[in-house]
Amino acid sequence: MVRILATLSIVFWATLALSNTAEAQTAKGIAIVQASEQGGGVCLAETPEKGFACAIKRCAVNGIRAQDCIKTQWCHNAGWTVDVFLQHNEGVHWHEASCGWATKTAAEKAAALMCDQKERQYVVGCILVQIYDPNGNPQINN
């Protein structure tokens, strides 16, 4: 009886491990690239390599060179993602992303914190530009 229970226990744990491995292989991450002052690209994929290749391809349109598309972020699992535009009091501006959030509300709170001028006194402008759902779909229509 002990051997049967031990065997069943091993089978159970092995099955659980295999299902977790399958989940990890099918789960998607989000790749974000930016071309300074020009644009960017976002893609969901199973691996960073595939994600960045896709995001660079999306970035390199309308005259933007692929080499100008810089890999800036990878999150696995993608979760909810926010893209925030910020401007420094000296005029420089840039985008920041925060990804992997479990809910849209949590992602929006992260964006609010990124724009909190009490935390970042040097920021004179900040706006939430885009929210992506866990499937990579943009939620803000521009």
N, C-alpha and C. Protein backbone atom coordinates (compact mmCIF):
# COMPACT_ATOMS: atom_id res chain seq x y z
N MET A 1 0.81 -1.19 0.00
CA MET A 1 0.00 0.00 0.00
C MET A 1 0.87 1.26 0.00
N VAL A 2 1.93 1.25 0.78
CA VAL A 2 2.83 2.40 0.84
C VAL A 2 3.47 2.64 -0.53
N ARG A 3 3.86 1.54 -1.20
CA ARG A 3 4.46 1.67 -2.53
C ARG A 3 3.47 2.27 -3.52
N ILE A 4 2.23 1.86 -3.44
CA ILE A 4 1.21 2.39 -4.35
C ILE A 4 1.04 3.88 -4.10
N LEU A 5 0.94 4.28 -2.83
CA LEU A 5 0.79 5.70 -2.50
C LEU A 5 2.02 6.50 -2.93
N ALA A 6 3.19 5.94 -2.75
CA ALA A 6 4.41 6.62 -3.16
C ALA A 6 4.45 6.79 -4.67
N THR A 7 4.07 5.74 -5.39
CA THR A 7 4.04 5.80 -6.86
C THR A 7 3.02 6.84 -7.33
N LEU A 8 1.83 6.83 -6.74
CA LEU A 8 0.80 7.82 -7.09
C LEU A 8 1.28 9.24 -6.80
N SER A 9 1.97 9.40 -5.70
CA SER A 9 2.50 10.71 -5.34
C SER A 9 3.52 11.19 -6.38
N ILE A 10 4.41 10.31 -6.80
CA ILE A 10 5.41 10.66 -7.81
C ILE A 10 4.74 11.01 -9.12
N VAL A 11 3.75 10.23 -9.53
CA VAL A 11 3.02 10.51 -10.77
C VAL A 11 2.32 11.86 -10.68
N PHE A 12 1.70 12.14 -9.55
CA PHE A 12 1.01 13.43 -9.36
C PHE A 12 1.98 14.59 -9.50
N TRP A 13 3.10 14.53 -8.79
CA TRP A 13 4.06 15.65 -8.83
C TRP A 13 4.71 15.79 -10.21
N ALA A 14 4.97 14.68 -10.87
CA ALA A 14 5.54 14.74 -12.22
C ALA A 14 4.55 15.37 -13.19
N THR A 15 3.27 15.00 -13.07
CA THR A 15 2.24 15.59 -13.93
C THR A 15 2.12 17.09 -13.68
N LEU A 16 2.15 17.47 -12.43
CA LEU A 16 2.07 18.89 -12.07
C LEU A 16 3.26 19.66 -12.64
N ALA A 17 4.44 19.10 -12.52
CA ALA A 17 5.64 19.75 -13.06
C ALA A 17 5.56 19.89 -14.57
N LEU A 18 5.09 18.87 -15.26
CA LEU A 18 4.96 18.94 -16.72
C LEU A 18 3.92 19.97 -17.13
N SER A 19 2.81 20.06 -16.41
CA SER A 19 1.80 21.05 -16.78
C SER A 19 2.32 22.46 -16.54
N ASN A 20 3.10 22.67 -15.49
CA ASN A 20 3.69 23.99 -15.25
C ASN A 20 4.69 24.34 -16.34
N THR A 21 5.45 23.35 -16.81
CA THR A 21 6.40 23.59 -17.89
C THR A 21 5.66 23.96 -19.16
N ALA A 22 4.57 23.29 -19.46
CA ALA A 22 3.78 23.60 -20.66
C ALA A 22 3.20 24.99 -20.56
N GLU A 23 2.71 25.37 -19.36
CA GLU A 23 2.19 26.72 -19.17
C GLU A 23 3.27 27.75 -19.42
N ALA A 24 4.45 27.51 -18.88
CA ALA A 24 5.55 28.46 -19.04
C ALA A 24 5.92 28.61 -20.51
N GLN A 25 5.83 27.52 -21.27
CA GLN A 25 6.20 27.59 -22.67
C GLN A 25 5.16 28.33 -23.51
N THR A 26 3.88 28.31 -23.07
CA THR A 26 2.84 28.97 -23.85
C THR A 26 2.55 30.38 -23.34
N ALA A 27 3.00 30.71 -22.13
CA ALA A 27 2.77 32.05 -21.59
C ALA A 27 3.53 33.07 -22.44
N LYS A 28 2.96 34.24 -22.54
CA LYS A 28 3.58 35.26 -23.39
C LYS A 28 4.14 36.40 -22.54
N GLY A 29 5.22 36.95 -23.06
CA GLY A 29 5.81 38.13 -22.48
C GLY A 29 5.59 39.29 -23.43
N ILE A 30 5.91 40.49 -22.97
CA ILE A 30 5.76 41.68 -23.79
C ILE A 30 7.13 42.33 -23.98
N ALA A 31 7.44 42.65 -25.22
CA ALA A 31 8.71 43.31 -25.59
C ALA A 31 8.39 44.74 -26.00
N ILE A 32 9.19 45.67 -25.50
CA ILE A 32 8.99 47.08 -25.81
C ILE A 32 10.31 47.66 -26.32
N VAL A 33 10.25 48.34 -27.47
CA VAL A 33 11.42 49.02 -28.03
C VAL A 33 11.06 50.47 -28.29
N GLN A 34 12.09 51.33 -28.27
CA GLN A 34 11.88 52.75 -28.54
C GLN A 34 12.95 53.27 -29.49
N ALA A 35 12.52 54.14 -30.39
CA ALA A 35 13.43 54.89 -31.24
C ALA A 35 13.30 56.34 -30.77
N SER A 36 14.32 56.82 -30.12
CA SER A 36 14.28 58.13 -29.49
C SER A 36 13.76 59.21 -30.43
N GLU A 37 12.77 59.95 -29.96
CA GLU A 37 12.16 61.06 -30.69
C GLU A 37 11.43 60.65 -31.96
N GLN A 38 11.28 59.31 -32.20
CA GLN A 38 10.70 58.86 -33.45
C GLN A 38 9.50 57.95 -33.29
N GLY A 39 9.55 57.03 -32.35
CA GLY A 39 8.46 56.07 -32.20
C GLY A 39 8.90 54.87 -31.41
N GLY A 40 8.18 53.78 -31.59
CA GLY A 40 8.49 52.58 -30.85
C GLY A 40 7.69 51.41 -31.37
N GLY A 41 7.82 50.28 -30.69
CA GLY A 41 7.10 49.08 -31.04
C GLY A 41 6.87 48.21 -29.83
N VAL A 42 5.76 47.47 -29.86
CA VAL A 42 5.37 46.58 -28.77
C VAL A 42 4.89 45.28 -29.38
N CYS A 43 5.32 44.15 -28.81
CA CYS A 43 4.88 42.84 -29.29
C CYS A 43 4.80 41.84 -28.15
N LEU A 44 3.83 40.93 -28.24
CA LEU A 44 3.75 39.79 -27.35
C LEU A 44 4.40 38.60 -28.03
N ALA A 45 5.12 37.79 -27.26
CA ALA A 45 5.76 36.59 -27.81
C ALA A 45 6.11 35.64 -26.68
N GLU A 46 6.49 34.42 -27.06
CA GLU A 46 6.86 33.40 -26.09
C GLU A 46 8.27 33.61 -25.53
N THR A 47 9.15 34.25 -26.30
CA THR A 47 10.53 34.45 -25.86
C THR A 47 10.94 35.90 -26.09
N PRO A 48 11.93 36.38 -25.36
CA PRO A 48 12.43 37.73 -25.60
C PRO A 48 12.93 37.92 -27.03
N GLU A 49 13.61 36.91 -27.57
CA GLU A 49 14.15 37.02 -28.92
C GLU A 49 13.04 37.27 -29.94
N LYS A 50 11.98 36.47 -29.86
CA LYS A 50 10.85 36.64 -30.79
C LYS A 50 10.14 37.96 -30.54
N GLY A 51 9.97 38.30 -29.27
CA GLY A 51 9.26 39.54 -28.93
C GLY A 51 9.99 40.78 -29.43
N PHE A 52 11.30 40.84 -29.19
CA PHE A 52 12.07 42.01 -29.64
C PHE A 52 12.17 42.07 -31.15
N ALA A 53 12.32 40.93 -31.80
CA ALA A 53 12.37 40.93 -33.27
C ALA A 53 11.07 41.51 -33.84
N CYS A 54 9.95 41.10 -33.30
CA CYS A 54 8.65 41.61 -33.74
C CYS A 54 8.49 43.09 -33.43
N ALA A 55 8.86 43.50 -32.20
CA ALA A 55 8.72 44.90 -31.79
C ALA A 55 9.61 45.81 -32.63
N ILE A 56 10.81 45.36 -32.95
CA ILE A 56 11.71 46.15 -33.80
C ILE A 56 11.12 46.30 -35.19
N LYS A 57 10.54 45.21 -35.70
CA LYS A 57 9.90 45.27 -37.02
C LYS A 57 8.76 46.29 -37.02
N ARG A 58 7.97 46.31 -35.95
CA ARG A 58 6.86 47.27 -35.84
C ARG A 58 7.38 48.70 -35.66
N CYS A 59 8.51 48.83 -34.99
CA CYS A 59 9.12 50.15 -34.77
C CYS A 59 9.67 50.72 -36.06
N ALA A 60 10.30 49.85 -36.84
CA ALA A 60 11.03 50.29 -38.05
C ALA A 60 10.07 50.48 -39.22
N VAL A 61 9.24 51.46 -39.10
CA VAL A 61 8.31 51.83 -40.18
C VAL A 61 8.38 53.34 -40.37
N ASN A 62 7.86 53.79 -41.49
CA ASN A 62 7.79 55.23 -41.76
C ASN A 62 9.14 55.94 -41.64
N GLY A 63 10.18 55.29 -42.16
CA GLY A 63 11.49 55.92 -42.19
C GLY A 63 12.36 55.69 -40.97
N ILE A 64 11.87 55.00 -39.96
CA ILE A 64 12.68 54.70 -38.78
C ILE A 64 13.56 53.49 -39.10
N ARG A 65 14.85 53.61 -38.83
CA ARG A 65 15.78 52.51 -39.09
C ARG A 65 15.70 51.50 -37.94
N ALA A 66 15.80 50.22 -38.27
CA ALA A 66 15.74 49.15 -37.26
C ALA A 66 16.81 49.36 -36.18
N GLN A 67 18.00 49.82 -36.57
CA GLN A 67 19.08 50.01 -35.58
C GLN A 67 18.79 51.14 -34.61
N ASP A 68 17.80 52.00 -34.93
CA ASP A 68 17.41 53.07 -34.01
C ASP A 68 16.38 52.60 -32.99
N CYS A 69 15.86 51.40 -33.17
CA CYS A 69 14.85 50.84 -32.27
C CYS A 69 15.56 50.08 -31.15
N ILE A 70 15.61 50.69 -29.97
CA ILE A 70 16.38 50.16 -28.84
C ILE A 70 15.49 49.30 -27.95
N LYS A 71 15.99 48.12 -27.61
CA LYS A 71 15.27 47.24 -26.69
C LYS A 71 15.24 47.89 -25.31
N THR A 72 14.05 48.15 -24.81
CA THR A 72 13.97 48.82 -23.51
C THR A 72 13.36 47.98 -22.41
N GLN A 73 12.49 47.02 -22.76
CA GLN A 73 11.85 46.28 -21.69
C GLN A 73 11.29 44.95 -22.16
N TRP A 74 11.39 43.95 -21.28
CA TRP A 74 10.76 42.65 -21.48
C TRP A 74 10.13 42.23 -20.16
N CYS A 75 8.87 41.86 -20.20
CA CYS A 75 8.20 41.33 -19.02
C CYS A 75 7.58 39.99 -19.38
N HIS A 76 7.81 39.01 -18.54
CA HIS A 76 7.21 37.69 -18.73
C HIS A 76 6.64 37.28 -17.39
N ASN A 77 5.45 37.11 -17.29
CA ASN A 77 4.27 37.23 -18.13
C ASN A 77 3.96 38.70 -18.38
N ALA A 78 3.31 38.97 -19.49
CA ALA A 78 3.06 40.34 -19.91
C ALA A 78 2.17 41.09 -18.92
N GLY A 79 1.10 40.48 -18.50
CA GLY A 79 0.17 41.17 -17.61
C GLY A 79 -0.34 42.45 -18.24
N TRP A 80 -0.81 43.36 -17.42
CA TRP A 80 -1.24 44.68 -17.87
C TRP A 80 -0.02 45.58 -17.94
N THR A 81 0.10 46.38 -18.98
CA THR A 81 1.27 47.22 -19.23
C THR A 81 0.83 48.65 -19.47
N VAL A 82 1.60 49.60 -18.93
CA VAL A 82 1.34 51.01 -19.19
C VAL A 82 2.55 51.65 -19.86
N ASP A 83 2.27 52.62 -20.72
CA ASP A 83 3.29 53.43 -21.39
C ASP A 83 3.02 54.87 -20.98
N VAL A 84 4.01 55.49 -20.37
CA VAL A 84 3.87 56.85 -19.84
C VAL A 84 4.88 57.76 -20.53
N PHE A 85 4.41 58.94 -20.96
CA PHE A 85 5.27 59.97 -21.54
C PHE A 85 5.63 60.95 -20.44
N LEU A 86 6.94 61.27 -20.30
CA LEU A 86 7.40 62.20 -19.28
C LEU A 86 8.25 63.30 -19.92
N GLN A 87 8.22 64.48 -19.30
CA GLN A 87 9.08 65.56 -19.74
C GLN A 87 9.80 66.17 -18.54
N HIS A 88 11.12 66.27 -18.68
CA HIS A 88 11.99 66.85 -17.66
C HIS A 88 11.87 68.36 -17.69
N ASN A 89 12.11 69.03 -16.57
CA ASN A 89 12.01 70.50 -16.54
C ASN A 89 13.05 71.19 -17.44
N GLU A 90 14.04 70.45 -17.93
CA GLU A 90 15.01 71.02 -18.87
C GLU A 90 14.62 70.76 -20.32
N GLY A 91 13.45 70.14 -20.55
CA GLY A 91 12.94 69.95 -21.89
C GLY A 91 13.07 68.55 -22.47
N VAL A 92 13.97 67.75 -21.95
CA VAL A 92 14.14 66.39 -22.45
C VAL A 92 12.87 65.59 -22.16
N HIS A 93 12.47 64.74 -23.09
CA HIS A 93 11.29 63.92 -22.85
C HIS A 93 11.54 62.49 -23.29
N TRP A 94 10.78 61.56 -22.73
CA TRP A 94 10.98 60.14 -22.97
C TRP A 94 9.72 59.37 -22.57
N HIS A 95 9.72 58.07 -22.90
CA HIS A 95 8.66 57.17 -22.49
C HIS A 95 9.21 56.18 -21.46
N GLU A 96 8.37 55.80 -20.52
CA GLU A 96 8.68 54.72 -19.59
C GLU A 96 7.52 53.75 -19.60
N ALA A 97 7.82 52.48 -19.46
CA ALA A 97 6.78 51.46 -19.40
C ALA A 97 6.90 50.69 -18.09
N SER A 98 5.77 50.21 -17.65
CA SER A 98 5.73 49.33 -16.49
C SER A 98 4.80 48.18 -16.85
N CYS A 99 5.28 46.97 -16.71
CA CYS A 99 4.50 45.83 -17.20
C CYS A 99 4.43 44.72 -16.16
N GLY A 100 3.58 43.74 -16.47
CA GLY A 100 3.44 42.59 -15.60
C GLY A 100 2.41 42.75 -14.50
N TRP A 101 1.58 43.78 -14.58
CA TRP A 101 0.58 44.03 -13.53
C TRP A 101 -0.58 43.06 -13.66
N ALA A 102 -1.13 42.64 -12.52
CA ALA A 102 -2.20 41.64 -12.49
C ALA A 102 -3.54 42.20 -12.94
N THR A 103 -3.75 43.49 -12.74
CA THR A 103 -5.04 44.10 -13.10
C THR A 103 -4.81 45.44 -13.79
N LYS A 104 -5.82 45.89 -14.49
CA LYS A 104 -5.77 47.21 -15.13
C LYS A 104 -5.64 48.30 -14.07
N THR A 105 -6.36 48.15 -12.98
CA THR A 105 -6.32 49.13 -11.89
C THR A 105 -4.91 49.25 -11.32
N ALA A 106 -4.24 48.12 -11.12
CA ALA A 106 -2.87 48.15 -10.59
C ALA A 106 -1.94 48.85 -11.57
N ALA A 107 -2.11 48.58 -12.86
CA ALA A 107 -1.27 49.23 -13.88
C ALA A 107 -1.51 50.75 -13.88
N GLU A 108 -2.77 51.16 -13.76
CA GLU A 108 -3.08 52.59 -13.72
C GLU A 108 -2.48 53.25 -12.49
N LYS A 109 -2.46 52.54 -11.37
CA LYS A 109 -1.83 53.07 -10.15
C LYS A 109 -0.32 53.21 -10.35
N ALA A 110 0.29 52.26 -11.05
CA ALA A 110 1.72 52.35 -11.34
C ALA A 110 2.00 53.58 -12.19
N ALA A 111 1.15 53.82 -13.19
CA ALA A 111 1.32 55.01 -14.04
C ALA A 111 1.18 56.29 -13.22
N ALA A 112 0.22 56.31 -12.31
CA ALA A 112 0.03 57.49 -11.46
C ALA A 112 1.27 57.74 -10.60
N LEU A 113 1.86 56.68 -10.08
CA LEU A 113 3.08 56.83 -9.27
C LEU A 113 4.25 57.32 -10.14
N MET A 114 4.32 56.82 -11.37
CA MET A 114 5.38 57.26 -12.28
C MET A 114 5.27 58.76 -12.56
N CYS A 115 4.04 59.30 -12.50
CA CYS A 115 3.79 60.71 -12.78
C CYS A 115 3.71 61.57 -11.51
N ASP A 116 3.94 60.98 -10.35
CA ASP A 116 3.81 61.71 -9.08
C ASP A 116 4.94 62.73 -8.94
N GLN A 117 4.61 64.00 -9.03
CA GLN A 117 5.63 65.06 -8.97
C GLN A 117 6.21 65.22 -7.57
N LYS A 118 5.58 64.67 -6.56
CA LYS A 118 6.19 64.66 -5.23
C LYS A 118 7.39 63.72 -5.20
N GLU A 119 7.30 62.65 -5.98
CA GLU A 119 8.39 61.68 -6.07
C GLU A 119 9.45 62.09 -7.10
N ARG A 120 9.00 62.84 -8.11
CA ARG A 120 9.89 63.21 -9.22
C ARG A 120 9.72 64.70 -9.49
N GLN A 121 10.35 65.52 -8.67
CA GLN A 121 10.19 66.97 -8.76
C GLN A 121 10.66 67.54 -10.09
N TYR A 122 11.53 66.85 -10.78
CA TYR A 122 12.10 67.33 -12.04
C TYR A 122 11.15 67.14 -13.23
N VAL A 123 10.06 66.42 -13.05
CA VAL A 123 9.11 66.16 -14.13
C VAL A 123 8.08 67.29 -14.19
N VAL A 124 7.99 67.92 -15.37
CA VAL A 124 7.01 69.00 -15.56
C VAL A 124 5.81 68.55 -16.38
N GLY A 125 5.94 67.43 -17.04
CA GLY A 125 4.82 66.89 -17.81
C GLY A 125 4.84 65.38 -17.77
N CYS A 126 3.67 64.80 -17.59
CA CYS A 126 3.58 63.35 -17.54
C CYS A 126 2.16 62.95 -17.88
N ILE A 127 2.03 61.98 -18.79
CA ILE A 127 0.72 61.52 -19.19
C ILE A 127 0.75 60.03 -19.52
N LEU A 128 -0.30 59.35 -19.12
CA LEU A 128 -0.46 57.95 -19.50
C LEU A 128 -0.86 57.91 -20.96
N VAL A 129 -0.01 57.31 -21.79
CA VAL A 129 -0.21 57.30 -23.24
C VAL A 129 -0.99 56.06 -23.69
N GLN A 130 -0.65 54.89 -23.10
CA GLN A 130 -1.29 53.66 -23.54
C GLN A 130 -1.32 52.65 -22.41
N ILE A 131 -2.34 51.83 -22.44
CA ILE A 131 -2.46 50.66 -21.57
C ILE A 131 -2.64 49.46 -22.49
N TYR A 132 -1.88 48.40 -22.25
CA TYR A 132 -2.02 47.16 -23.01
C TYR A 132 -2.58 46.08 -22.08
N ASP A 133 -3.58 45.34 -22.55
CA ASP A 133 -4.10 44.24 -21.76
C ASP A 133 -3.13 43.05 -21.84
N PRO A 134 -3.38 41.98 -21.09
CA PRO A 134 -2.46 40.83 -21.11
C PRO A 134 -2.31 40.16 -22.47
N ASN A 135 -3.19 40.47 -23.42
CA ASN A 135 -3.07 39.93 -24.78
C ASN A 135 -2.39 40.91 -25.72
N GLY A 136 -1.89 42.03 -25.19
CA GLY A 136 -1.18 43.01 -26.00
C GLY A 136 -2.07 43.99 -26.73
N ASN A 137 -3.36 43.99 -26.42
CA ASN A 137 -4.30 44.90 -27.10
C ASN A 137 -4.28 46.29 -26.45
N PRO A 138 -4.07 47.34 -27.24
CA PRO A 138 -4.11 48.69 -26.69
C PRO A 138 -5.52 49.03 -26.19
N GLN A 139 -5.58 49.72 -25.07
CA GLN A 139 -6.86 50.06 -24.46
C GLN A 139 -7.25 51.52 -24.66
N ILE A 140 -6.30 52.36 -25.05
CA ILE A 140 -6.57 53.78 -25.28
C ILE A 140 -6.53 54.02 -26.78
N ASN A 141 -7.64 54.50 -27.32
CA ASN A 141 -7.70 54.82 -28.75
C ASN A 141 -7.13 56.21 -28.99
N ASN A 142 -6.09 56.28 -29.79
CA ASN A 142 -5.44 57.57 -30.05
C ASN A 142 -6.03 58.23 -31.26
